[in-house]
Amino acid sequence: MGTALNVKPADRVKLQRDLAERLMKHCACKRYKSKKKIDWLHRHGTVLSISPVTDNVYIRWDGRVSPDVWPFRAVEKVE
């Protein structure tokens, strides 16, 4: 994982494929029954800012209003 090195604010990003697959598998667990499943494999968002201290990326996912915080190494730029 290291393709996020060239990500900057206003870039379009998605989660790294292996992380997205693990999230999808975890969300399919019987313990987490939810009527609305998030498709992390196809979800894209826009980088709002990057924290220089903690190496976190603030992302606003498509269809959402509030940003989420993700580790810098968990995202990759969408070409």
PDB file of N, CA and C in Angstrom:
ATOM      1  N   MET A   1       0.850  -1.185   0.000  1.00  0.00           N
ATOM      2  CA  MET A   1       0.000   0.000   0.000  1.00  0.00           C
ATOM      3  C   MET A   1       0.882   1.229   0.000  1.00  0.00           C
ATOM      4  N   GLY A   2       0.842   2.036  -0.886  1.00  0.00           N
ATOM      5  CA  GLY A   2       1.649   3.224  -0.864  1.00  0.00           C
ATOM      6  C   GLY A   2       1.346   4.096  -2.067  1.00  0.00           C
ATOM      7  N   THR A   3       0.253   3.857  -2.700  1.00  0.00           N
ATOM      8  CA  THR A   3      -0.077   4.615  -3.893  1.00  0.00           C
ATOM      9  C   THR A   3      -0.726   5.950  -3.553  1.00  0.00           C
ATOM     10  N   ALA A   4      -0.918   6.251  -2.279  1.00  0.00           N
ATOM     11  CA  ALA A   4      -1.576   7.498  -1.893  1.00  0.00           C
ATOM     12  C   ALA A   4      -0.585   8.649  -1.759  1.00  0.00           C
ATOM     13  N   LEU A   5       0.675   8.418  -2.078  1.00  0.00           N
ATOM     14  CA  LEU A   5       1.688   9.445  -1.895  1.00  0.00           C
ATOM     15  C   LEU A   5       1.434  10.684  -2.744  1.00  0.00           C
ATOM     16  N   ASN A   6       0.756  10.537  -3.852  1.00  0.00           N
ATOM     17  CA  ASN A   6       0.513  11.681  -4.725  1.00  0.00           C
ATOM     18  C   ASN A   6      -0.892  12.264  -4.563  1.00  0.00           C
ATOM     19  N   VAL A   7      -1.591  11.907  -3.494  1.00  0.00           N
ATOM     20  CA  VAL A   7      -2.943  12.416  -3.251  1.00  0.00           C
ATOM     21  C   VAL A   7      -2.863  13.786  -2.589  1.00  0.00           C
ATOM     22  N   LYS A   8      -3.698  14.703  -3.073  1.00  0.00           N
ATOM     23  CA  LYS A   8      -3.759  16.045  -2.491  1.00  0.00           C
ATOM     24  C   LYS A   8      -5.220  16.484  -2.418  1.00  0.00           C
ATOM     25  N   PRO A   9      -5.534  17.542  -1.689  1.00  0.00           N
ATOM     26  CA  PRO A   9      -6.922  17.998  -1.594  1.00  0.00           C
ATOM     27  C   PRO A   9      -7.543  18.221  -2.968  1.00  0.00           C
ATOM     28  N   ALA A  10      -8.818  17.889  -3.073  1.00  0.00           N
ATOM     29  CA  ALA A  10      -9.644  17.986  -4.282  1.00  0.00           C
ATOM     30  C   ALA A  10      -9.447  16.807  -5.228  1.00  0.00           C
ATOM     31  N   ASP A  11      -8.555  15.865  -4.922  1.00  0.00           N
ATOM     32  CA  ASP A  11      -8.390  14.666  -5.744  1.00  0.00           C
ATOM     33  C   ASP A  11      -9.513  13.684  -5.481  1.00  0.00           C
ATOM     34  N   ARG A  12      -9.867  12.910  -6.494  1.00  0.00           N
ATOM     35  CA  ARG A  12     -10.844  11.836  -6.365  1.00  0.00           C
ATOM     36  C   ARG A  12     -10.107  10.586  -5.913  1.00  0.00           C
ATOM     37  N   VAL A  13     -10.643   9.899  -4.889  1.00  0.00           N
ATOM     38  CA  VAL A  13      -9.984   8.724  -4.332  1.00  0.00           C
ATOM     39  C   VAL A  13     -10.978   7.593  -4.111  1.00  0.00           C
ATOM     40  N   LYS A  14     -10.430   6.423  -3.870  1.00  0.00           N
ATOM     41  CA  LYS A  14     -11.192   5.250  -3.464  1.00  0.00           C
ATOM     42  C   LYS A  14     -10.331   4.493  -2.479  1.00  0.00           C
ATOM     43  N   LEU A  15     -10.924   3.525  -1.789  1.00  0.00           N
ATOM     44  CA  LEU A  15     -10.148   2.713  -0.858  1.00  0.00           C
ATOM     45  C   LEU A  15      -9.301   1.714  -1.625  1.00  0.00           C
ATOM     46  N   GLN A  16      -8.176   1.330  -1.033  1.00  0.00           N
ATOM     47  CA  GLN A  16      -7.355   0.276  -1.620  1.00  0.00           C
ATOM     48  C   GLN A  16      -8.212  -0.979  -1.735  1.00  0.00           C
ATOM     49  N   ARG A  17      -8.040  -1.735  -2.795  1.00  0.00           N
ATOM     50  CA  ARG A  17      -8.899  -2.885  -3.088  1.00  0.00           C
ATOM     51  C   ARG A  17      -8.899  -3.914  -1.957  1.00  0.00           C
ATOM     52  N   ASP A  18      -7.742  -4.261  -1.409  1.00  0.00           N
ATOM     53  CA  ASP A  18      -7.706  -5.293  -0.364  1.00  0.00           C
ATOM     54  C   ASP A  18      -8.446  -4.839   0.896  1.00  0.00           C
ATOM     55  N   LEU A  19      -8.336  -3.570   1.248  1.00  0.00           N
ATOM     56  CA  LEU A  19      -9.056  -3.047   2.408  1.00  0.00           C
ATOM     57  C   LEU A  19     -10.560  -3.032   2.147  1.00  0.00           C
ATOM     58  N   ALA A  20     -10.956  -2.621   0.951  1.00  0.00           N
ATOM     59  CA  ALA A  20     -12.376  -2.583   0.607  1.00  0.00           C
ATOM     60  C   ALA A  20     -12.987  -3.982   0.656  1.00  0.00           C
ATOM     61  N   GLU A  21     -12.257  -4.977   0.175  1.00  0.00           N
ATOM     62  CA  GLU A  21     -12.752  -6.353   0.207  1.00  0.00           C
ATOM     63  C   GLU A  21     -12.913  -6.848   1.641  1.00  0.00           C
ATOM     64  N   ARG A  22     -11.951  -6.506   2.506  1.00  0.00           N
ATOM     65  CA  ARG A  22     -12.065  -6.905   3.914  1.00  0.00           C
ATOM     66  C   ARG A  22     -13.241  -6.228   4.591  1.00  0.00           C
ATOM     67  N   LEU A  23     -13.480  -4.946   4.276  1.00  0.00           N
ATOM     68  CA  LEU A  23     -14.629  -4.241   4.855  1.00  0.00           C
ATOM     69  C   LEU A  23     -15.936  -4.861   4.393  1.00  0.00           C
ATOM     70  N   MET A  24     -16.020  -5.217   3.119  1.00  0.00           N
ATOM     71  CA  MET A  24     -17.237  -5.834   2.590  1.00  0.00           C
ATOM     72  C   MET A  24     -17.487  -7.184   3.270  1.00  0.00           C
ATOM     73  N   LYS A  25     -16.440  -7.946   3.491  1.00  0.00           N
ATOM     74  CA  LYS A  25     -16.579  -9.247   4.142  1.00  0.00           C
ATOM     75  C   LYS A  25     -17.014  -9.068   5.595  1.00  0.00           C
ATOM     76  N   HIS A  26     -16.431  -8.094   6.279  1.00  0.00           N
ATOM     77  CA  HIS A  26     -16.762  -7.838   7.676  1.00  0.00           C
ATOM     78  C   HIS A  26     -18.204  -7.355   7.811  1.00  0.00           C
ATOM     79  N   CYS A  27     -18.644  -6.523   6.886  1.00  0.00           N
ATOM     80  CA  CYS A  27     -20.012  -5.992   6.939  1.00  0.00           C
ATOM     81  C   CYS A  27     -21.048  -7.069   6.643  1.00  0.00           C
ATOM     82  N   ALA A  28     -20.627  -8.152   6.009  1.00  0.00           N
ATOM     83  CA  ALA A  28     -21.551  -9.230   5.680  1.00  0.00           C
ATOM     84  C   ALA A  28     -21.772 -10.169   6.873  1.00  0.00           C
ATOM     85  N   CYS A  29     -21.050  -9.908   7.945  1.00  0.00           N
ATOM     86  CA  CYS A  29     -21.173 -10.745   9.144  1.00  0.00           C
ATOM     87  C   CYS A  29     -22.594 -10.660   9.708  1.00  0.00           C
ATOM     88  N   LYS A  30     -23.103 -11.767  10.239  1.00  0.00           N
ATOM     89  CA  LYS A  30     -24.474 -11.804  10.775  1.00  0.00           C
ATOM     90  C   LYS A  30     -24.678 -10.813  11.910  1.00  0.00           C
ATOM     91  N   ARG A  31     -23.603 -10.525  12.641  1.00  0.00           N
ATOM     92  CA  ARG A  31     -23.708  -9.631  13.787  1.00  0.00           C
ATOM     93  C   ARG A  31     -24.039  -8.205  13.367  1.00  0.00           C
ATOM     94  N   TYR A  32     -23.646  -7.819  12.169  1.00  0.00           N
ATOM     95  CA  TYR A  32     -23.856  -6.458  11.702  1.00  0.00           C
ATOM     96  C   TYR A  32     -24.955  -6.427  10.653  1.00  0.00           C
ATOM     97  N   LYS A  33     -26.168  -6.698  11.069  1.00  0.00           N
ATOM     98  CA  LYS A  33     -27.287  -6.665  10.121  1.00  0.00           C
ATOM     99  C   LYS A  33     -27.708  -5.215   9.915  1.00  0.00           C
ATOM    100  N   SER A  34     -27.638  -4.811   8.701  1.00  0.00           N
ATOM    101  CA  SER A  34     -28.028  -3.462   8.332  1.00  0.00           C
ATOM    102  C   SER A  34     -28.839  -3.544   7.051  1.00  0.00           C
ATOM    103  N   LYS A  35     -29.825  -2.694   6.943  1.00  0.00           N
ATOM    104  CA  LYS A  35     -30.648  -2.709   5.748  1.00  0.00           C
ATOM    105  C   LYS A  35     -29.905  -2.129   4.553  1.00  0.00           C
ATOM    106  N   LYS A  36     -28.955  -1.247   4.808  1.00  0.00           N
ATOM    107  CA  LYS A  36     -28.222  -0.613   3.718  1.00  0.00           C
ATOM    108  C   LYS A  36     -26.744  -0.992   3.817  1.00  0.00           C
ATOM    109  N   LYS A  37     -26.287  -1.778   2.871  1.00  0.00           N
ATOM    110  CA  LYS A  37     -24.886  -2.174   2.831  1.00  0.00           C
ATOM    111  C   LYS A  37     -24.094  -1.163   1.998  1.00  0.00           C
ATOM    112  N   ILE A  38     -22.893  -0.856   2.440  1.00  0.00           N
ATOM    113  CA  ILE A  38     -22.033   0.077   1.720  1.00  0.00           C
ATOM    114  C   ILE A  38     -21.139  -0.722   0.781  1.00  0.00           C
ATOM    115  N   ASP A  39     -21.127  -0.345  -0.470  1.00  0.00           N
ATOM    116  CA  ASP A  39     -20.284  -1.009  -1.465  1.00  0.00           C
ATOM    117  C   ASP A  39     -18.938  -0.289  -1.518  1.00  0.00           C
ATOM    118  N   TRP A  40     -18.011  -0.698  -0.674  1.00  0.00           N
ATOM    119  CA  TRP A  40     -16.713  -0.035  -0.573  1.00  0.00           C
ATOM    120  C   TRP A  40     -15.848  -0.247  -1.813  1.00  0.00           C
ATOM    121  N   LEU A  41     -16.118  -1.294  -2.577  1.00  0.00           N
ATOM    122  CA  LEU A  41     -15.321  -1.535  -3.785  1.00  0.00           C
ATOM    123  C   LEU A  41     -15.559  -0.474  -4.856  1.00  0.00           C
ATOM    124  N   HIS A  42     -16.757   0.074  -4.897  1.00  0.00           N
ATOM    125  CA  HIS A  42     -17.099   1.032  -5.944  1.00  0.00           C
ATOM    126  C   HIS A  42     -17.347   2.443  -5.419  1.00  0.00           C
ATOM    127  N   ARG A  43     -17.086   2.678  -4.152  1.00  0.00           N
ATOM    128  CA  ARG A  43     -17.340   3.996  -3.571  1.00  0.00           C
ATOM    129  C   ARG A  43     -16.167   4.932  -3.842  1.00  0.00           C
ATOM    130  N   HIS A  44     -16.467   6.137  -4.273  1.00  0.00           N
ATOM    131  CA  HIS A  44     -15.458   7.154  -4.537  1.00  0.00           C
ATOM    132  C   HIS A  44     -15.752   8.389  -3.701  1.00  0.00           C
ATOM    133  N   GLY A  45     -14.725   9.180  -3.468  1.00  0.00           N
ATOM    134  CA  GLY A  45     -14.890  10.398  -2.700  1.00  0.00           C
ATOM    135  C   GLY A  45     -13.876  11.446  -3.094  1.00  0.00           C
ATOM    136  N   THR A  46     -13.982  12.602  -2.454  1.00  0.00           N
ATOM    137  CA  THR A  46     -13.093  13.727  -2.714  1.00  0.00           C
ATOM    138  C   THR A  46     -12.308  14.049  -1.446  1.00  0.00           C
ATOM    139  N   VAL A  47     -11.004  14.227  -1.593  1.00  0.00           N
ATOM    140  CA  VAL A  47     -10.147  14.579  -0.454  1.00  0.00           C
ATOM    141  C   VAL A  47     -10.406  16.034  -0.085  1.00  0.00           C
ATOM    142  N   LEU A  48     -10.751  16.261   1.171  1.00  0.00           N
ATOM    143  CA  LEU A  48     -10.960  17.625   1.655  1.00  0.00           C
ATOM    144  C   LEU A  48      -9.670  18.214   2.199  1.00  0.00           C
ATOM    145  N   SER A  49      -8.956  17.406   2.991  1.00  0.00           N
ATOM    146  CA  SER A  49      -7.686  17.865   3.548  1.00  0.00           C
ATOM    147  C   SER A  49      -6.864  16.665   4.001  1.00  0.00           C
ATOM    148  N   ILE A  50      -5.600  16.929   4.263  1.00  0.00           N
ATOM    149  CA  ILE A  50      -4.671  15.904   4.747  1.00  0.00           C
ATOM    150  C   ILE A  50      -4.002  16.443   5.997  1.00  0.00           C
ATOM    151  N   SER A  51      -4.018  15.658   7.061  1.00  0.00           N
ATOM    152  CA  SER A  51      -3.387  16.067   8.305  1.00  0.00           C
ATOM    153  C   SER A  51      -1.897  15.748   8.241  1.00  0.00           C
ATOM    154  N   PRO A  52      -1.031  16.747   8.351  1.00  0.00           N
ATOM    155  CA  PRO A  52       0.403  16.490   8.283  1.00  0.00           C
ATOM    156  C   PRO A  52       0.949  15.811   9.546  1.00  0.00           C
ATOM    157  N   VAL A  53       0.232  15.932  10.633  1.00  0.00           N
ATOM    158  CA  VAL A  53       0.702  15.375  11.905  1.00  0.00           C
ATOM    159  C   VAL A  53       0.373  13.893  12.030  1.00  0.00           C
ATOM    160  N   THR A  54      -0.861  13.518  11.707  1.00  0.00           N
ATOM    161  CA  THR A  54      -1.301  12.143  11.925  1.00  0.00           C
ATOM    162  C   THR A  54      -1.357  11.304  10.652  1.00  0.00           C
ATOM    163  N   ASP A  55      -1.061  11.884   9.500  1.00  0.00           N
ATOM    164  CA  ASP A  55      -1.132  11.181   8.213  1.00  0.00           C
ATOM    165  C   ASP A  55      -2.526  10.630   7.945  1.00  0.00           C
ATOM    166  N   ASN A  56      -3.541  11.380   8.316  1.00  0.00           N
ATOM    167  CA  ASN A  56      -4.920  11.013   8.019  1.00  0.00           C
ATOM    168  C   ASN A  56      -5.439  11.854   6.864  1.00  0.00           C
ATOM    169  N   VAL A  57      -6.372  11.276   6.124  1.00  0.00           N
ATOM    170  CA  VAL A  57      -6.995  11.958   4.993  1.00  0.00           C
ATOM    171  C   VAL A  57      -8.470  12.159   5.323  1.00  0.00           C
ATOM    172  N   TYR A  58      -8.963  13.364   5.136  1.00  0.00           N
ATOM    173  CA  TYR A  58     -10.373  13.666   5.348  1.00  0.00           C
ATOM    174  C   TYR A  58     -11.063  13.589   3.995  1.00  0.00           C
ATOM    175  N   ILE A  59     -12.019  12.647   3.876  1.00  0.00           N
ATOM    176  CA  ILE A  59     -12.672  12.366   2.610  1.00  0.00           C
ATOM    177  C   ILE A  59     -14.170  12.578   2.727  1.00  0.00           C
ATOM    178  N   ARG A  60     -14.751  13.244   1.736  1.00  0.00           N
ATOM    179  CA  ARG A  60     -16.208  13.329   1.632  1.00  0.00           C
ATOM    180  C   ARG A  60     -16.609  12.343   0.545  1.00  0.00           C
ATOM    181  N   TRP A  61     -17.247  11.246   0.975  1.00  0.00           N
ATOM    182  CA  TRP A  61     -17.689  10.219   0.040  1.00  0.00           C
ATOM    183  C   TRP A  61     -18.891  10.723  -0.734  1.00  0.00           C
ATOM    184  N   ASP A  62     -19.031  10.282  -1.975  1.00  0.00           N
ATOM    185  CA  ASP A  62     -20.167  10.666  -2.809  1.00  0.00           C
ATOM    186  C   ASP A  62     -21.470  10.305  -2.098  1.00  0.00           C
ATOM    187  N   GLY A  63     -22.393  11.241  -2.076  1.00  0.00           N
ATOM    188  CA  GLY A  63     -23.685  11.019  -1.441  1.00  0.00           C
ATOM    189  C   GLY A  63     -23.704  11.313   0.046  1.00  0.00           C
ATOM    190  N   ARG A  64     -22.584  11.762   0.597  1.00  0.00           N
ATOM    191  CA  ARG A  64     -22.513  12.079   2.025  1.00  0.00           C
ATOM    192  C   ARG A  64     -22.241  13.564   2.203  1.00  0.00           C
ATOM    193  N   VAL A  65     -22.575  14.066   3.387  1.00  0.00           N
ATOM    194  CA  VAL A  65     -22.344  15.472   3.682  1.00  0.00           C
ATOM    195  C   VAL A  65     -21.116  15.640   4.569  1.00  0.00           C
ATOM    196  N   SER A  66     -20.994  14.803   5.589  1.00  0.00           N
ATOM    197  CA  SER A  66     -19.894  14.933   6.525  1.00  0.00           C
ATOM    198  C   SER A  66     -18.683  14.113   6.071  1.00  0.00           C
ATOM    199  N   PRO A  67     -17.485  14.604   6.370  1.00  0.00           N
ATOM    200  CA  PRO A  67     -16.274  13.880   5.962  1.00  0.00           C
ATOM    201  C   PRO A  67     -15.961  12.724   6.915  1.00  0.00           C
ATOM    202  N   ASP A  68     -15.242  11.749   6.393  1.00  0.00           N
ATOM    203  CA  ASP A  68     -14.732  10.636   7.188  1.00  0.00           C
ATOM    204  C   ASP A  68     -13.217  10.731   7.222  1.00  0.00           C
ATOM    205  N   VAL A  69     -12.627  10.216   8.293  1.00  0.00           N
ATOM    206  CA  VAL A  69     -11.177  10.221   8.441  1.00  0.00           C
ATOM    207  C   VAL A  69     -10.659   8.818   8.150  1.00  0.00           C
ATOM    208  N   TRP A  70      -9.678   8.714   7.246  1.00  0.00           N
ATOM    209  CA  TRP A  70      -9.072   7.437   6.878  1.00  0.00           C
ATOM    210  C   TRP A  70      -7.562   7.574   6.926  1.00  0.00           C
ATOM    211  N   PRO A  71      -6.856   6.486   7.241  1.00  0.00           N
ATOM    212  CA  PRO A  71      -5.394   6.539   7.176  1.00  0.00           C
ATOM    213  C   PRO A  71      -4.937   6.824   5.739  1.00  0.00           C
ATOM    214  N   PHE A  72      -3.879   7.563   5.625  1.00  0.00           N
ATOM    215  CA  PHE A  72      -3.355   7.961   4.319  1.00  0.00           C
ATOM    216  C   PHE A  72      -3.057   6.753   3.434  1.00  0.00           C
ATOM    217  N   ARG A  73      -2.559   5.686   4.019  1.00  0.00           N
ATOM    218  CA  ARG A  73      -2.170   4.499   3.248  1.00  0.00           C
ATOM    219  C   ARG A  73      -3.359   3.663   2.789  1.00  0.00           C
ATOM    220  N   ALA A  74      -4.572   3.987   3.256  1.00  0.00           N
ATOM    221  CA  ALA A  74      -5.767   3.200   2.912  1.00  0.00           C
ATOM    222  C   ALA A  74      -6.426   3.652   1.620  1.00  0.00           C
ATOM    223  N   VAL A  75      -6.013   4.790   1.071  1.00  0.00           N
ATOM    224  CA  VAL A  75      -6.679   5.311  -0.128  1.00  0.00           C
ATOM    225  C   VAL A  75      -5.734   5.335  -1.324  1.00  0.00           C
ATOM    226  N   GLU A  76      -6.329   5.338  -2.493  1.00  0.00           N
ATOM    227  CA  GLU A  76      -5.545   5.511  -3.719  1.00  0.00           C
ATOM    228  C   GLU A  76      -6.297   6.454  -4.637  1.00  0.00           C
ATOM    229  N   LYS A  77      -5.549   7.149  -5.456  1.00  0.00           N
ATOM    230  CA  LYS A  77      -6.102   8.138  -6.368  1.00  0.00           C
ATOM    231  C   LYS A  77      -6.823   7.440  -7.514  1.00  0.00           C
ATOM    232  N   VAL A  78      -7.985   7.982  -7.887  1.00  0.00           N
ATOM    233  CA  VAL A  78      -8.732   7.471  -9.028  1.00  0.00           C
ATOM    234  C   VAL A  78      -8.238   8.210 -10.256  1.00  0.00           C
ATOM    235  N   GLU A  79      -7.836   7.474 -11.239  1.00  0.00           N
ATOM    236  CA  GLU A  79      -7.291   8.082 -12.477  1.00  0.00           C
ATOM    237  C   GLU A  79      -8.383   8.560 -13.377  1.00  0.00           C
TER     238      GLU A  79
END
